[in-house]
């Protein structure tokens, strides 16, 4: 009797297991990530080039320096992420880079800032030969009986430019980076933007701040200061003037850590609705692509863009993708709302 019951239980378990098909894991896109420049040192007066490496996301990136400062002569290319130039001074420095892809996803080089240092130097009074100890224990070579050793001619170094050698070699990636539109207008701070105020030699006056909805930030000793409506350089000058009562000739800089005030919005018959960051110039067609496309019953011929000024713009998706009336595909402005009925 026990043998019969066990046989029935095993049969039912086997049938139930055969009825459940194996589950396949859902495909996920690789996450966006960014790594520090692989170079480890630089030297004053010597050309330097090293790329900041980004991977994952959409493959089209925009780089920005969010913390720290590059020394004189070095600069970060926002389209390629390459640090190039000829430094004018030696000295260790640290920095943090933020990368944003075309979908608005952001990533940074991490909590630990990237660091570059000048090459190690021998201690004062140490002979050059003694600066580096020998790497082998081989005995010294015995003198030969020949009158003179054969001297080989020196081989000249190759005629190459180190800066060119460090440029990206993948033409497709380089062209995609150059295709990213850049906003030529100066960046104006707004509510929810995150900034860092740096006061050289007086760190107690600086710090990280988020612009409040009323457009103000609160600084030690200075109280509330209006930040919204000013460019970072303009805000630096305002803070510098206010600090003169505490510091003689203060050196102030304002860095933008995160842009949250520039957004556009999409609602209606699209796959993804809500607010989207407006970090780079974006046209209506690009915004619809970021929204994941239309739903089944969307009216693609009568799309409306509403602006903060009260202006209403019409957009016919069918015409634009057919190459007609391309003037409808305008650049979006902060606060624009795209309505798809």
C-alpha atoms as a PDB file:
ATOM      1  CA  UNK A   1       0.000   0.000   0.000  1.00  0.00           C
ATOM      2  CA  UNK A   2       2.853   2.455   0.843  1.00  0.00           C
ATOM      3  CA  UNK A   3       4.595   1.572  -2.413  1.00  0.00           C
ATOM      4  CA  UNK A   4       1.466   2.436  -4.433  1.00  0.00           C
ATOM      5  CA  UNK A   5       0.978   5.815  -2.720  1.00  0.00           C
ATOM      6  CA  UNK A   6       4.659   6.746  -3.285  1.00  0.00           C
ATOM      7  CA  UNK A   7       4.391   5.807  -6.966  1.00  0.00           C
ATOM      8  CA  UNK A   8       1.303   8.010  -7.458  1.00  0.00           C
ATOM      9  CA  UNK A   9       2.983  10.975  -5.678  1.00  0.00           C
ATOM     10  CA  UNK A  10       6.104  10.731  -7.869  1.00  0.00           C
ATOM     11  CA  UNK A  11       3.964  10.497 -10.999  1.00  0.00           C
ATOM     12  CA  UNK A  12       1.944  13.612 -10.119  1.00  0.00           C
ATOM     13  CA  UNK A  13       5.140  15.569  -9.256  1.00  0.00           C
ATOM     14  CA  UNK A  14       6.753  14.604 -12.559  1.00  0.00           C
ATOM     15  CA  UNK A  15       3.692  15.647 -14.568  1.00  0.00           C
ATOM     16  CA  UNK A  16       3.465  19.014 -12.744  1.00  0.00           C
ATOM     17  CA  UNK A  17       7.142  19.704 -13.388  1.00  0.00           C
ATOM     18  CA  UNK A  18       6.746  18.948 -17.118  1.00  0.00           C
ATOM     19  CA  UNK A  19       3.818  21.366 -17.426  1.00  0.00           C
ATOM     20  CA  UNK A  20       5.838  24.407 -16.252  1.00  0.00           C
ATOM     21  CA  UNK A  21       8.059  25.676 -19.100  1.00  0.00           C
ATOM     22  CA  UNK A  22      11.479  26.990 -18.097  1.00  0.00           C
ATOM     23  CA  UNK A  23      11.631  30.727 -17.574  1.00  0.00           C
ATOM     24  CA  UNK A  24      14.083  32.744 -19.581  1.00  0.00           C
ATOM     25  CA  UNK A  25      15.664  35.746 -17.917  1.00  0.00           C
ATOM     26  CA  UNK A  26      14.524  39.100 -19.212  1.00  0.00           C
ATOM     27  CA  UNK A  27      17.026  40.977 -21.355  1.00  0.00           C
ATOM     28  CA  UNK A  28      18.416  44.039 -19.690  1.00  0.00           C
ATOM     29  CA  UNK A  29      20.536  46.778 -21.176  1.00  0.00           C
ATOM     30  CA  UNK A  30      24.024  47.178 -19.674  1.00  0.00           C
ATOM     31  CA  UNK A  31      24.010  49.938 -17.028  1.00  0.00           C
ATOM     32  CA  UNK A  32      25.757  53.225 -17.712  1.00  0.00           C
ATOM     33  CA  UNK A  33      29.175  53.506 -16.073  1.00  0.00           C
ATOM     34  CA  UNK A  34      32.255  55.723 -16.288  1.00  0.00           C
ATOM     35  CA  UNK A  35      35.872  55.092 -15.296  1.00  0.00           C
ATOM     36  CA  UNK A  36      38.713  57.489 -14.487  1.00  0.00           C
ATOM     37  CA  UNK A  37      41.307  58.387 -17.081  1.00  0.00           C
ATOM     38  CA  UNK A  38      43.772  55.456 -17.268  1.00  0.00           C
ATOM     39  CA  UNK A  39      46.815  57.798 -17.170  1.00  0.00           C
ATOM     40  CA  UNK A  40      48.592  57.909 -13.826  1.00  0.00           C
ATOM     41  CA  UNK A  41      50.941  60.893 -14.064  1.00  0.00           C
ATOM     42  CA  UNK A  42      51.716  64.047 -16.006  1.00  0.00           C
ATOM     43  CA  UNK A  43      54.686  66.354 -16.358  1.00  0.00           C
ATOM     44  CA  UNK A  44      54.817  70.110 -16.871  1.00  0.00           C
ATOM     45  CA  UNK A  45      55.569  71.089 -20.475  1.00  0.00           C
ATOM     46  CA  UNK A  46      54.911  67.578 -21.857  1.00  0.00           C
ATOM     47  CA  UNK A  47      51.757  66.960 -23.995  1.00  0.00           C
ATOM     48  CA  UNK A  48      49.243  64.791 -22.146  1.00  0.00           C
ATOM     49  CA  UNK A  49      46.201  62.900 -23.375  1.00  0.00           C
ATOM     50  CA  UNK A  50      44.043  60.302 -21.644  1.00  0.00           C
ATOM     51  CA  UNK A  51      40.385  59.316 -22.271  1.00  0.00           C
ATOM     52  CA  UNK A  52      37.714  59.039 -19.583  1.00  0.00           C
ATOM     53  CA  UNK A  53      36.096  55.681 -20.413  1.00  0.00           C
ATOM     54  CA  UNK A  54      32.280  55.341 -20.511  1.00  0.00           C
ATOM     55  CA  UNK A  55      30.280  52.186 -21.270  1.00  0.00           C
ATOM     56  CA  UNK A  56      26.699  50.965 -21.288  1.00  0.00           C
ATOM     57  CA  UNK A  57      23.616  53.135 -21.682  1.00  0.00           C
ATOM     58  CA  UNK A  58      22.707  54.332 -25.177  1.00  0.00           C
ATOM     59  CA  UNK A  59      26.295  54.700 -26.401  1.00  0.00           C
ATOM     60  CA  UNK A  60      26.052  58.469 -26.996  1.00  0.00           C
ATOM     61  CA  UNK A  61      27.611  60.359 -24.111  1.00  0.00           C
ATOM     62  CA  UNK A  62      28.154  63.874 -22.760  1.00  0.00           C
ATOM     63  CA  UNK A  63      30.966  64.370 -20.243  1.00  0.00           C
ATOM     64  CA  UNK A  64      31.231  67.101 -17.599  1.00  0.00           C
ATOM     65  CA  UNK A  65      33.683  67.895 -14.817  1.00  0.00           C
ATOM     66  CA  UNK A  66      31.606  67.976 -11.615  1.00  0.00           C
ATOM     67  CA  UNK A  67      34.240  68.314  -8.877  1.00  0.00           C
ATOM     68  CA  UNK A  68      37.890  69.257  -8.634  1.00  0.00           C
ATOM     69  CA  UNK A  69      39.838  71.298 -11.163  1.00  0.00           C
ATOM     70  CA  UNK A  70      42.267  70.347 -13.925  1.00  0.00           C
ATOM     71  CA  UNK A  71      45.674  72.076 -13.739  1.00  0.00           C
ATOM     72  CA  UNK A  72      46.623  74.840 -16.134  1.00  0.00           C
ATOM     73  CA  UNK A  73      46.956  73.604 -19.697  1.00  0.00           C
ATOM     74  CA  UNK A  74      44.678  70.535 -19.325  1.00  0.00           C
ATOM     75  CA  UNK A  75      41.015  70.457 -20.360  1.00  0.00           C
ATOM     76  CA  UNK A  76      38.178  67.894 -20.627  1.00  0.00           C
ATOM     77  CA  UNK A  77      36.495  67.473 -24.013  1.00  0.00           C
ATOM     78  CA  UNK A  78      32.729  67.241 -23.210  1.00  0.00           C
ATOM     79  CA  UNK A  79      31.985  65.229 -26.378  1.00  0.00           C
ATOM     80  CA  UNK A  80      34.781  62.616 -26.296  1.00  0.00           C
ATOM     81  CA  UNK A  81      35.686  62.591 -22.589  1.00  0.00           C
ATOM     82  CA  UNK A  82      39.392  62.997 -23.378  1.00  0.00           C
ATOM     83  CA  UNK A  83      41.670  65.008 -21.089  1.00  0.00           C
ATOM     84  CA  UNK A  84      44.273  66.703 -23.316  1.00  0.00           C
ATOM     85  CA  UNK A  85      46.716  69.587 -23.274  1.00  0.00           C
ATOM     86  CA  UNK A  86      50.170  70.564 -22.106  1.00  0.00           C
ATOM     87  CA  UNK A  87      50.223  71.222 -18.321  1.00  0.00           C
ATOM     88  CA  UNK A  88      52.069  74.333 -17.197  1.00  0.00           C
ATOM     89  CA  UNK A  89      52.600  73.264 -13.582  1.00  0.00           C
ATOM     90  CA  UNK A  90      53.303  70.076 -11.639  1.00  0.00           C
ATOM     91  CA  UNK A  91      51.257  68.982  -8.650  1.00  0.00           C
ATOM     92  CA  UNK A  92      48.818  66.254  -7.659  1.00  0.00           C
ATOM     93  CA  UNK A  93      45.128  66.948  -8.240  1.00  0.00           C
ATOM     94  CA  UNK A  94      41.797  65.119  -8.049  1.00  0.00           C
ATOM     95  CA  UNK A  95      38.593  65.446 -10.013  1.00  0.00           C
ATOM     96  CA  UNK A  96      35.209  63.803 -10.632  1.00  0.00           C
ATOM     97  CA  UNK A  97      33.597  63.315 -14.056  1.00  0.00           C
ATOM     98  CA  UNK A  98      29.874  62.858 -14.760  1.00  0.00           C
ATOM     99  CA  UNK A  99      28.638  61.221 -17.980  1.00  0.00           C
ATOM    100  CA  UNK A 100      25.112  61.534 -19.374  1.00  0.00           C
ATOM    101  CA  UNK A 101      23.785  59.456 -22.249  1.00  0.00           C
ATOM    102  CA  UNK A 102      21.160  60.502 -24.783  1.00  0.00           C
ATOM    103  CA  UNK A 103      18.391  58.954 -22.629  1.00  0.00           C
ATOM    104  CA  UNK A 104      19.216  61.272 -19.727  1.00  0.00           C
ATOM    105  CA  UNK A 105      20.811  58.586 -17.530  1.00  0.00           C
ATOM    106  CA  UNK A 106      23.728  59.916 -15.458  1.00  0.00           C
ATOM    107  CA  UNK A 107      26.713  58.229 -13.837  1.00  0.00           C
ATOM    108  CA  UNK A 108      29.881  59.509 -12.151  1.00  0.00           C
ATOM    109  CA  UNK A 109      33.374  58.159 -11.588  1.00  0.00           C
ATOM    110  CA  UNK A 110      32.339  57.169  -8.062  1.00  0.00           C
ATOM    111  CA  UNK A 111      32.631  58.394  -4.488  1.00  0.00           C
ATOM    112  CA  UNK A 112      36.449  58.272  -4.671  1.00  0.00           C
ATOM    113  CA  UNK A 113      37.680  61.102  -6.951  1.00  0.00           C
ATOM    114  CA  UNK A 114      40.045  60.344  -9.813  1.00  0.00           C
ATOM    115  CA  UNK A 115      43.645  61.372  -9.092  1.00  0.00           C
ATOM    116  CA  UNK A 116      46.694  62.217 -11.194  1.00  0.00           C
ATOM    117  CA  UNK A 117      50.152  62.873  -9.786  1.00  0.00           C
ATOM    118  CA  UNK A 118      53.468  64.047 -11.251  1.00  0.00           C
ATOM    119  CA  UNK A 119      56.163  61.405 -11.765  1.00  0.00           C
ATOM    120  CA  UNK A 120      58.197  60.495  -8.685  1.00  0.00           C
ATOM    121  CA  UNK A 121      61.399  62.495  -8.180  1.00  0.00           C
ATOM    122  CA  UNK A 122      64.623  61.467  -6.449  1.00  0.00           C
ATOM    123  CA  UNK A 123      65.366  62.912  -3.012  1.00  0.00           C
ATOM    124  CA  UNK A 124      67.595  66.054  -2.931  1.00  0.00           C
ATOM    125  CA  UNK A 125      71.308  65.217  -2.951  1.00  0.00           C
ATOM    126  CA  UNK A 126      70.740  61.682  -4.257  1.00  0.00           C
ATOM    127  CA  UNK A 127      72.707  60.843  -7.410  1.00  0.00           C
ATOM    128  CA  UNK A 128      70.649  59.929 -10.438  1.00  0.00           C
ATOM    129  CA  UNK A 129      72.216  56.496 -10.602  1.00  0.00           C
ATOM    130  CA  UNK A 130      71.291  55.810  -6.971  1.00  0.00           C
ATOM    131  CA  UNK A 131      67.669  56.950  -7.332  1.00  0.00           C
ATOM    132  CA  UNK A 132      66.593  53.584  -8.732  1.00  0.00           C
ATOM    133  CA  UNK A 133      68.130  50.425  -7.186  1.00  0.00           C
ATOM    134  CA  UNK A 134      69.248  47.684  -9.560  1.00  0.00           C
ATOM    135  CA  UNK A 135      66.609  45.113 -10.344  1.00  0.00           C
ATOM    136  CA  UNK A 136      68.957  42.128 -10.729  1.00  0.00           C
ATOM    137  CA  UNK A 137      71.758  40.593  -8.661  1.00  0.00           C
ATOM    138  CA  UNK A 138      73.977  39.830 -11.652  1.00  0.00           C
ATOM    139  CA  UNK A 139      77.753  40.341 -11.026  1.00  0.00           C
ATOM    140  CA  UNK A 140      79.498  43.223 -12.773  1.00  0.00           C
ATOM    141  CA  UNK A 141      80.727  42.552 -16.268  1.00  0.00           C
ATOM    142  CA  UNK A 142      84.415  41.634 -16.679  1.00  0.00           C
ATOM    143  CA  UNK A 143      86.596  43.937 -18.727  1.00  0.00           C
ATOM    144  CA  UNK A 144      87.402  42.661 -22.190  1.00  0.00           C
ATOM    145  CA  UNK A 145      90.756  42.604 -23.909  1.00  0.00           C
ATOM    146  CA  UNK A 146      89.435  44.463 -26.952  1.00  0.00           C
ATOM    147  CA  UNK A 147      90.831  47.994 -27.359  1.00  0.00           C
ATOM    148  CA  UNK A 148      87.484  49.687 -27.711  1.00  0.00           C
ATOM    149  CA  UNK A 149      83.890  48.508 -27.417  1.00  0.00           C
ATOM    150  CA  UNK A 150      81.692  48.777 -30.474  1.00  0.00           C
ATOM    151  CA  UNK A 151      79.387  51.800 -30.255  1.00  0.00           C
ATOM    152  CA  UNK A 152      76.017  51.344 -31.955  1.00  0.00           C
ATOM    153  CA  UNK A 153      74.384  54.345 -33.616  1.00  0.00           C
ATOM    154  CA  UNK A 154      71.497  55.878 -31.674  1.00  0.00           C
ATOM    155  CA  UNK A 155      68.041  55.233 -33.122  1.00  0.00           C
ATOM    156  CA  UNK A 156      65.963  58.422 -33.332  1.00  0.00           C
ATOM    157  CA  UNK A 157      62.503  58.316 -31.690  1.00  0.00           C
ATOM    158  CA  UNK A 158      59.506  57.866 -34.021  1.00  0.00           C
ATOM    159  CA  UNK A 159      57.994  61.050 -35.367  1.00  0.00           C
ATOM    160  CA  UNK A 160      54.581  60.669 -33.717  1.00  0.00           C
ATOM    161  CA  UNK A 161      52.358  63.003 -31.762  1.00  0.00           C
ATOM    162  CA  UNK A 162      51.347  61.515 -28.346  1.00  0.00           C
ATOM    163  CA  UNK A 163      48.110  63.514 -28.439  1.00  0.00           C
ATOM    164  CA  UNK A 164      47.079  61.930 -31.741  1.00  0.00           C
ATOM    165  CA  UNK A 165      47.989  58.454 -30.491  1.00  0.00           C
ATOM    166  CA  UNK A 166      45.533  58.812 -27.592  1.00  0.00           C
ATOM    167  CA  UNK A 167      42.551  59.816 -29.755  1.00  0.00           C
ATOM    168  CA  UNK A 168      39.728  57.260 -30.151  1.00  0.00           C
ATOM    169  CA  UNK A 169      40.299  55.007 -33.125  1.00  0.00           C
ATOM    170  CA  UNK A 170      36.734  53.797 -33.532  1.00  0.00           C
ATOM    171  CA  UNK A 171      35.290  56.096 -36.205  1.00  0.00           C
ATOM    172  CA  UNK A 172      31.698  55.163 -35.377  1.00  0.00           C
ATOM    173  CA  UNK A 173      32.102  56.155 -31.711  1.00  0.00           C
ATOM    174  CA  UNK A 174      33.902  59.371 -32.627  1.00  0.00           C
ATOM    175  CA  UNK A 175      31.207  60.390 -35.136  1.00  0.00           C
ATOM    176  CA  UNK A 176      28.425  59.576 -32.650  1.00  0.00           C
ATOM    177  CA  UNK A 177      30.089  61.754 -30.009  1.00  0.00           C
ATOM    178  CA  UNK A 178      30.453  64.652 -32.434  1.00  0.00           C
ATOM    179  CA  UNK A 179      26.773  64.345 -33.393  1.00  0.00           C
ATOM    180  CA  UNK A 180      25.655  65.307 -29.884  1.00  0.00           C
ATOM    181  CA  UNK A 181      24.211  68.819 -29.937  1.00  0.00           C
ATOM    182  CA  UNK A 182      25.730  71.325 -27.512  1.00  0.00           C
ATOM    183  CA  UNK A 183      23.941  74.339 -26.074  1.00  0.00           C
ATOM    184  CA  UNK A 184      25.931  77.482 -26.900  1.00  0.00           C
ATOM    185  CA  UNK A 185      23.991  79.619 -24.396  1.00  0.00           C
ATOM    186  CA  UNK A 186      25.479  80.111 -20.916  1.00  0.00           C
ATOM    187  CA  UNK A 187      24.002  77.776 -18.317  1.00  0.00           C
ATOM    188  CA  UNK A 188      21.650  79.516 -15.874  1.00  0.00           C
ATOM    189  CA  UNK A 189      21.097  78.001 -12.441  1.00  0.00           C
ATOM    190  CA  UNK A 190      17.584  77.068 -11.350  1.00  0.00           C
ATOM    191  CA  UNK A 191      15.680  75.366  -8.548  1.00  0.00           C
ATOM    192  CA  UNK A 192      16.866  71.854  -7.550  1.00  0.00           C
ATOM    193  CA  UNK A 193      20.282  72.296  -9.213  1.00  0.00           C
ATOM    194  CA  UNK A 194      23.155  71.041  -7.032  1.00  0.00           C
ATOM    195  CA  UNK A 195      26.326  73.139  -6.842  1.00  0.00           C
ATOM    196  CA  UNK A 196      29.585  73.224  -4.885  1.00  0.00           C
ATOM    197  CA  UNK A 197      31.068  76.520  -3.712  1.00  0.00           C
ATOM    198  CA  UNK A 198      34.862  76.373  -3.317  1.00  0.00           C
ATOM    199  CA  UNK A 199      36.743  79.103  -1.420  1.00  0.00           C
ATOM    200  CA  UNK A 200      40.487  78.644  -1.775  1.00  0.00           C
ATOM    201  CA  UNK A 201      42.236  78.513   1.586  1.00  0.00           C
ATOM    202  CA  UNK A 202      38.970  78.870   3.544  1.00  0.00           C
ATOM    203  CA  UNK A 203      36.974  75.623   3.277  1.00  0.00           C
ATOM    204  CA  UNK A 204      34.641  76.678   6.116  1.00  0.00           C
ATOM    205  CA  UNK A 205      32.959  79.168   3.779  1.00  0.00           C
ATOM    206  CA  UNK A 206      32.381  76.630   1.002  1.00  0.00           C
ATOM    207  CA  UNK A 207      30.301  73.492   0.673  1.00  0.00           C
ATOM    208  CA  UNK A 208      27.683  71.740  -1.417  1.00  0.00           C
ATOM    209  CA  UNK A 209      24.262  73.362  -1.853  1.00  0.00           C
ATOM    210  CA  UNK A 210      20.955  72.601  -3.563  1.00  0.00           C
ATOM    211  CA  UNK A 211      19.127  75.615  -4.976  1.00  0.00           C
ATOM    212  CA  UNK A 212      15.824  75.889  -3.096  1.00  0.00           C
ATOM    213  CA  UNK A 213      12.453  76.421  -4.818  1.00  0.00           C
ATOM    214  CA  UNK A 214      12.733  80.116  -3.923  1.00  0.00           C
ATOM    215  CA  UNK A 215      16.029  80.289  -5.830  1.00  0.00           C
ATOM    216  CA  UNK A 216      18.200  80.802  -2.731  1.00  0.00           C
ATOM    217  CA  UNK A 217      21.105  78.955  -1.102  1.00  0.00           C
ATOM    218  CA  UNK A 218      22.310  79.378   2.491  1.00  0.00           C
ATOM    219  CA  UNK A 219      26.046  79.843   3.107  1.00  0.00           C
ATOM    220  CA  UNK A 220      27.951  79.971   6.410  1.00  0.00           C
ATOM    221  CA  UNK A 221      28.413  83.536   7.706  1.00  0.00           C
ATOM    222  CA  UNK A 222      26.681  84.999   4.622  1.00  0.00           C
ATOM    223  CA  UNK A 223      23.138  83.691   5.060  1.00  0.00           C
ATOM    224  CA  UNK A 224      20.754  83.451   2.102  1.00  0.00           C
ATOM    225  CA  UNK A 225      22.109  84.280  -1.361  1.00  0.00           C
ATOM    226  CA  UNK A 226      20.103  84.187  -4.579  1.00  0.00           C
ATOM    227  CA  UNK A 227      21.537  81.605  -6.997  1.00  0.00           C
ATOM    228  CA  UNK A 228      18.683  81.012  -9.464  1.00  0.00           C
ATOM    229  CA  UNK A 229      18.871  83.174 -12.564  1.00  0.00           C
ATOM    230  CA  UNK A 230      22.668  83.517 -12.519  1.00  0.00           C
ATOM    231  CA  UNK A 231      25.398  81.692 -14.400  1.00  0.00           C
ATOM    232  CA  UNK A 232      27.982  79.894 -12.201  1.00  0.00           C
ATOM    233  CA  UNK A 233      30.619  82.554 -12.978  1.00  0.00           C
ATOM    234  CA  UNK A 234      28.181  85.344 -12.035  1.00  0.00           C
ATOM    235  CA  UNK A 235      27.348  83.628  -8.741  1.00  0.00           C
ATOM    236  CA  UNK A 236      31.095  83.299  -8.036  1.00  0.00           C
ATOM    237  CA  UNK A 237      31.494  87.075  -8.358  1.00  0.00           C
ATOM    238  CA  UNK A 238      28.501  87.739  -6.082  1.00  0.00           C
ATOM    239  CA  UNK A 239      29.869  85.455  -3.353  1.00  0.00           C
ATOM    240  CA  UNK A 240      33.353  86.925  -3.756  1.00  0.00           C
ATOM    241  CA  UNK A 241      32.062  90.442  -3.098  1.00  0.00           C
ATOM    242  CA  UNK A 242      30.171  89.327   0.016  1.00  0.00           C
ATOM    243  CA  UNK A 243      33.227  87.503   1.399  1.00  0.00           C
ATOM    244  CA  UNK A 244      35.479  90.558   1.202  1.00  0.00           C
ATOM    245  CA  UNK A 245      34.313  91.627   4.653  1.00  0.00           C
ATOM    246  CA  UNK A 246      35.801  88.380   6.070  1.00  0.00           C
ATOM    247  CA  UNK A 247      38.653  87.499   3.663  1.00  0.00           C
ATOM    248  CA  UNK A 248      41.159  89.668   1.827  1.00  0.00           C
ATOM    249  CA  UNK A 249      40.880  89.103  -1.941  1.00  0.00           C
ATOM    250  CA  UNK A 250      38.935  85.783  -1.743  1.00  0.00           C
ATOM    251  CA  UNK A 251      39.247  83.231  -4.567  1.00  0.00           C
ATOM    252  CA  UNK A 252      35.798  81.696  -5.202  1.00  0.00           C
ATOM    253  CA  UNK A 253      34.575  79.193  -7.787  1.00  0.00           C
ATOM    254  CA  UNK A 254      31.154  77.600  -8.287  1.00  0.00           C
ATOM    255  CA  UNK A 255      30.878  74.134  -9.814  1.00  0.00           C
ATOM    256  CA  UNK A 256      27.651  72.515 -11.047  1.00  0.00           C
ATOM    257  CA  UNK A 257      27.305  68.976  -9.701  1.00  0.00           C
ATOM    258  CA  UNK A 258      23.872  68.033 -11.036  1.00  0.00           C
ATOM    259  CA  UNK A 259      21.349  69.734 -13.320  1.00  0.00           C
ATOM    260  CA  UNK A 260      17.761  69.182 -12.177  1.00  0.00           C
ATOM    261  CA  UNK A 261      16.052  72.444 -13.153  1.00  0.00           C
ATOM    262  CA  UNK A 262      15.996  71.931 -16.948  1.00  0.00           C
ATOM    263  CA  UNK A 263      13.193  69.515 -17.837  1.00  0.00           C
ATOM    264  CA  UNK A 264      10.489  68.917 -20.424  1.00  0.00           C
ATOM    265  CA  UNK A 265       7.324  66.853 -19.959  1.00  0.00           C
ATOM    266  CA  UNK A 266       5.349  64.355 -22.043  1.00  0.00           C
ATOM    267  CA  UNK A 267       1.797  63.173 -21.350  1.00  0.00           C
ATOM    268  CA  UNK A 268      -0.829  61.209 -23.233  1.00  0.00           C
ATOM    269  CA  UNK A 269      -0.649  58.153 -25.490  1.00  0.00           C
ATOM    270  CA  UNK A 270       3.061  57.308 -25.216  1.00  0.00           C
ATOM    271  CA  UNK A 271       4.833  54.448 -23.489  1.00  0.00           C
ATOM    272  CA  UNK A 272       6.594  56.596 -20.873  1.00  0.00           C
ATOM    273  CA  UNK A 273       5.136  59.844 -19.531  1.00  0.00           C
ATOM    274  CA  UNK A 274       6.463  62.361 -17.041  1.00  0.00           C
ATOM    275  CA  UNK A 275       9.458  64.687 -16.810  1.00  0.00           C
ATOM    276  CA  UNK A 276      12.688  64.214 -18.757  1.00  0.00           C
ATOM    277  CA  UNK A 277      16.000  66.077 -18.179  1.00  0.00           C
ATOM    278  CA  UNK A 278      16.855  68.686 -20.816  1.00  0.00           C
ATOM    279  CA  UNK A 279      20.644  68.468 -20.508  1.00  0.00           C
ATOM    280  CA  UNK A 280      21.469  68.907 -24.205  1.00  0.00           C
ATOM    281  CA  UNK A 281      19.496  70.537 -27.061  1.00  0.00           C
ATOM    282  CA  UNK A 282      16.603  68.165 -27.820  1.00  0.00           C
ATOM    283  CA  UNK A 283      14.078  68.330 -30.665  1.00  0.00           C
ATOM    284  CA  UNK A 284      10.468  67.125 -30.492  1.00  0.00           C
ATOM    285  CA  UNK A 285      11.203  63.964 -32.473  1.00  0.00           C
ATOM    286  CA  UNK A 286      14.053  63.011 -30.111  1.00  0.00           C
ATOM    287  CA  UNK A 287      11.788  63.584 -27.113  1.00  0.00           C
ATOM    288  CA  UNK A 288       9.162  61.210 -28.544  1.00  0.00           C
ATOM    289  CA  UNK A 289      11.866  58.586 -29.035  1.00  0.00           C
ATOM    290  CA  UNK A 290      12.904  59.015 -25.379  1.00  0.00           C
ATOM    291  CA  UNK A 291       9.263  58.379 -24.428  1.00  0.00           C
ATOM    292  CA  UNK A 292       9.458  54.906 -25.970  1.00  0.00           C
ATOM    293  CA  UNK A 293       7.090  55.541 -28.902  1.00  0.00           C
ATOM    294  CA  UNK A 294       3.324  55.730 -29.254  1.00  0.00           C
ATOM    295  CA  UNK A 295       0.524  53.567 -27.919  1.00  0.00           C
ATOM    296  CA  UNK A 296      -1.920  51.863 -30.289  1.00  0.00           C
ATOM    297  CA  UNK A 297      -4.554  54.612 -30.486  1.00  0.00           C
ATOM    298  CA  UNK A 298      -2.297  57.685 -30.428  1.00  0.00           C
ATOM    299  CA  UNK A 299      -3.116  60.456 -32.912  1.00  0.00           C
ATOM    300  CA  UNK A 300       0.336  60.930 -34.443  1.00  0.00           C
ATOM    301  CA  UNK A 301      -0.768  63.798 -36.694  1.00  0.00           C
ATOM    302  CA  UNK A 302      -2.023  66.193 -34.006  1.00  0.00           C
ATOM    303  CA  UNK A 303       0.635  66.466 -31.326  1.00  0.00           C
ATOM    304  CA  UNK A 304       0.702  69.737 -29.352  1.00  0.00           C
ATOM    305  CA  UNK A 305       3.665  71.428 -27.609  1.00  0.00           C
ATOM    306  CA  UNK A 306       2.638  73.897 -24.892  1.00  0.00           C
ATOM    307  CA  UNK A 307       5.178  76.443 -23.597  1.00  0.00           C
ATOM    308  CA  UNK A 308       5.383  78.470 -20.419  1.00  0.00           C
ATOM    309  CA  UNK A 309       4.694  81.611 -22.441  1.00  0.00           C
ATOM    310  CA  UNK A 310       1.266  80.222 -23.455  1.00  0.00           C
ATOM    311  CA  UNK A 311       2.394  79.478 -27.029  1.00  0.00           C
ATOM    312  CA  UNK A 312       0.977  76.330 -28.655  1.00  0.00           C
ATOM    313  CA  UNK A 313       2.914  74.528 -31.409  1.00  0.00           C
ATOM    314  CA  UNK A 314       1.574  71.746 -33.619  1.00  0.00           C
ATOM    315  CA  UNK A 315       3.637  68.710 -34.590  1.00  0.00           C
ATOM    316  CA  UNK A 316       2.716  66.131 -37.251  1.00  0.00           C
ATOM    317  CA  UNK A 317       4.828  63.025 -36.670  1.00  0.00           C
ATOM    318  CA  UNK A 318       3.835  61.432 -39.994  1.00  0.00           C
ATOM    319  CA  UNK A 319       5.014  64.450 -41.969  1.00  0.00           C
ATOM    320  CA  UNK A 320       8.320  64.801 -40.147  1.00  0.00           C
ATOM    321  CA  UNK A 321       9.394  61.177 -40.537  1.00  0.00           C
ATOM    322  CA  UNK A 322       8.513  61.489 -44.248  1.00  0.00           C
ATOM    323  CA  UNK A 323      10.867  64.475 -44.522  1.00  0.00           C
ATOM    324  CA  UNK A 324       8.112  67.085 -44.949  1.00  0.00           C
ATOM    325  CA  UNK A 325       7.705  70.365 -43.050  1.00  0.00           C
ATOM    326  CA  UNK A 326      10.799  69.788 -40.954  1.00  0.00           C
ATOM    327  CA  UNK A 327      10.404  73.224 -39.372  1.00  0.00           C
ATOM    328  CA  UNK A 328       7.871  71.580 -36.989  1.00  0.00           C
ATOM    329  CA  UNK A 329      10.714  69.657 -35.346  1.00  0.00           C
ATOM    330  CA  UNK A 330      11.764  72.550 -33.097  1.00  0.00           C
ATOM    331  CA  UNK A 331      14.177  72.511 -30.164  1.00  0.00           C
ATOM    332  CA  UNK A 332      12.428  72.128 -26.822  1.00  0.00           C
ATOM    333  CA  UNK A 333      12.696  74.752 -24.076  1.00  0.00           C
ATOM    334  CA  UNK A 334      12.686  74.159 -20.301  1.00  0.00           C
ATOM    335  CA  UNK A 335       9.116  73.630 -19.118  1.00  0.00           C
ATOM    336  CA  UNK A 336       7.706  72.553 -22.525  1.00  0.00           C
ATOM    337  CA  UNK A 337       4.843  70.010 -22.329  1.00  0.00           C
ATOM    338  CA  UNK A 338       4.283  67.591 -25.239  1.00  0.00           C
ATOM    339  CA  UNK A 339       0.679  66.335 -25.399  1.00  0.00           C
ATOM    340  CA  UNK A 340      -0.118  63.226 -27.441  1.00  0.00           C
ATOM    341  CA  UNK A 341      -3.855  62.585 -27.652  1.00  0.00           C
END
